[in-house]
């Protein structure tokens, strides 16, 4: 019992806790409208006029998809807490 008596009078050494800051990546939410599939026009009949109509509609769809991609690229790299919602 004599061996245990020597430790009883020494209080344990305590170390004050430190604040540790951990960076957290927050992603900007992409609105569902920007990730929706773009429509693909199909032929109604097999005429030259229909081919021209399809080409025009597909061009419009491609331009709309490219505009969506530009909007997504503009959001990427922005802090998530910025007001990016339209």
Protein backbone atom coordinates (compact mmCIF):
# COMPACT_ATOMS: atom_id res chain seq x y z
CA UNK A 1 0.00 0.00 0.00
CA UNK A 2 2.93 2.29 0.45
CA UNK A 3 3.53 2.39 -3.32
CA UNK A 4 0.07 3.80 -4.01
CA UNK A 5 0.25 6.45 -1.33
CA UNK A 6 2.91 8.46 -3.22
CA UNK A 7 0.62 9.31 -6.14
CA UNK A 8 -2.36 10.42 -4.10
CA UNK A 9 -1.03 13.91 -3.35
CA UNK A 10 -0.10 14.89 -6.95
CA UNK A 11 -3.02 16.31 -8.95
CA UNK A 12 -3.17 15.21 -12.61
CA UNK A 13 -1.79 17.73 -15.12
CA UNK A 14 -4.57 19.10 -17.29
CA UNK A 15 -4.06 20.78 -20.63
CA UNK A 16 -6.51 23.42 -21.79
CA UNK A 17 -8.26 22.45 -25.04
CA UNK A 18 -7.44 24.43 -28.18
CA UNK A 19 -9.88 25.47 -30.86
CA UNK A 20 -9.07 23.72 -34.12
CA UNK A 21 -10.58 25.21 -37.26
CA UNK A 22 -11.33 22.66 -39.95
CA UNK A 23 -12.18 23.93 -43.44
CA UNK A 24 -15.45 22.52 -44.73
CA UNK A 25 -16.19 22.39 -48.44
CA UNK A 26 -19.71 23.53 -49.21
CA UNK A 27 -20.96 23.00 -52.72
CA UNK A 28 -23.23 25.41 -54.53
CA UNK A 29 -26.57 23.72 -55.17
CA UNK A 30 -27.36 23.56 -58.88
CA UNK A 31 -31.06 24.21 -59.62
CA UNK A 32 -32.87 21.27 -61.17
CA UNK A 33 -33.86 23.36 -64.20
CA UNK A 34 -30.18 23.60 -65.18
CA UNK A 35 -29.65 19.85 -65.06
CA UNK A 36 -32.83 18.86 -66.89
CA UNK A 37 -32.31 16.98 -70.15
CA UNK A 38 -32.61 19.00 -73.34
CA UNK A 39 -35.31 17.89 -75.78
CA UNK A 40 -34.31 16.17 -79.02
CA UNK A 41 -36.60 16.86 -81.94
CA UNK A 42 -37.64 13.91 -84.04
CA UNK A 43 -39.18 13.75 -87.50
CA UNK A 44 -42.93 13.70 -88.02
CA UNK A 45 -42.54 12.67 -91.64
CA UNK A 46 -39.71 12.11 -94.09
CA UNK A 47 -39.70 15.36 -96.11
CA UNK A 48 -37.04 17.94 -96.80
CA UNK A 49 -39.13 20.55 -95.03
CA UNK A 50 -39.26 18.33 -91.95
CA UNK A 51 -35.47 17.93 -92.04
CA UNK A 52 -35.13 21.73 -91.98
CA UNK A 53 -37.57 22.00 -89.07
CA UNK A 54 -35.70 19.35 -87.10
CA UNK A 55 -32.36 21.06 -87.76
CA UNK A 56 -33.76 24.37 -86.45
CA UNK A 57 -35.28 22.77 -83.34
CA UNK A 58 -32.10 20.85 -82.57
CA UNK A 59 -30.09 24.05 -82.97
CA UNK A 60 -32.39 25.82 -80.46
CA UNK A 61 -32.09 22.89 -78.04
CA UNK A 62 -28.29 22.91 -78.35
CA UNK A 63 -28.15 26.66 -77.72
CA UNK A 64 -30.41 26.24 -74.65
CA UNK A 65 -28.19 23.45 -73.29
CA UNK A 66 -25.08 25.56 -73.84
CA UNK A 67 -26.74 28.42 -71.95
CA UNK A 68 -27.48 26.03 -69.05
CA UNK A 69 -23.84 24.91 -69.01
CA UNK A 70 -22.67 28.55 -68.92
CA UNK A 71 -24.92 29.17 -65.90
CA UNK A 72 -23.56 26.08 -64.13
CA UNK A 73 -19.97 27.12 -64.84
CA UNK A 74 -20.72 30.60 -63.45
CA UNK A 75 -21.95 29.02 -60.19
CA UNK A 76 -19.01 26.67 -59.76
CA UNK A 77 -16.27 28.04 -57.55
CA UNK A 78 -18.64 30.43 -55.80
CA UNK A 79 -19.20 30.26 -52.06
CA UNK A 80 -22.33 28.25 -51.30
CA UNK A 81 -23.79 30.94 -49.06
CA UNK A 82 -23.91 33.60 -51.80
CA UNK A 83 -27.38 34.35 -53.07
CA UNK A 84 -27.08 32.68 -56.46
CA UNK A 85 -30.67 31.66 -56.78
CA UNK A 86 -32.67 33.61 -59.35
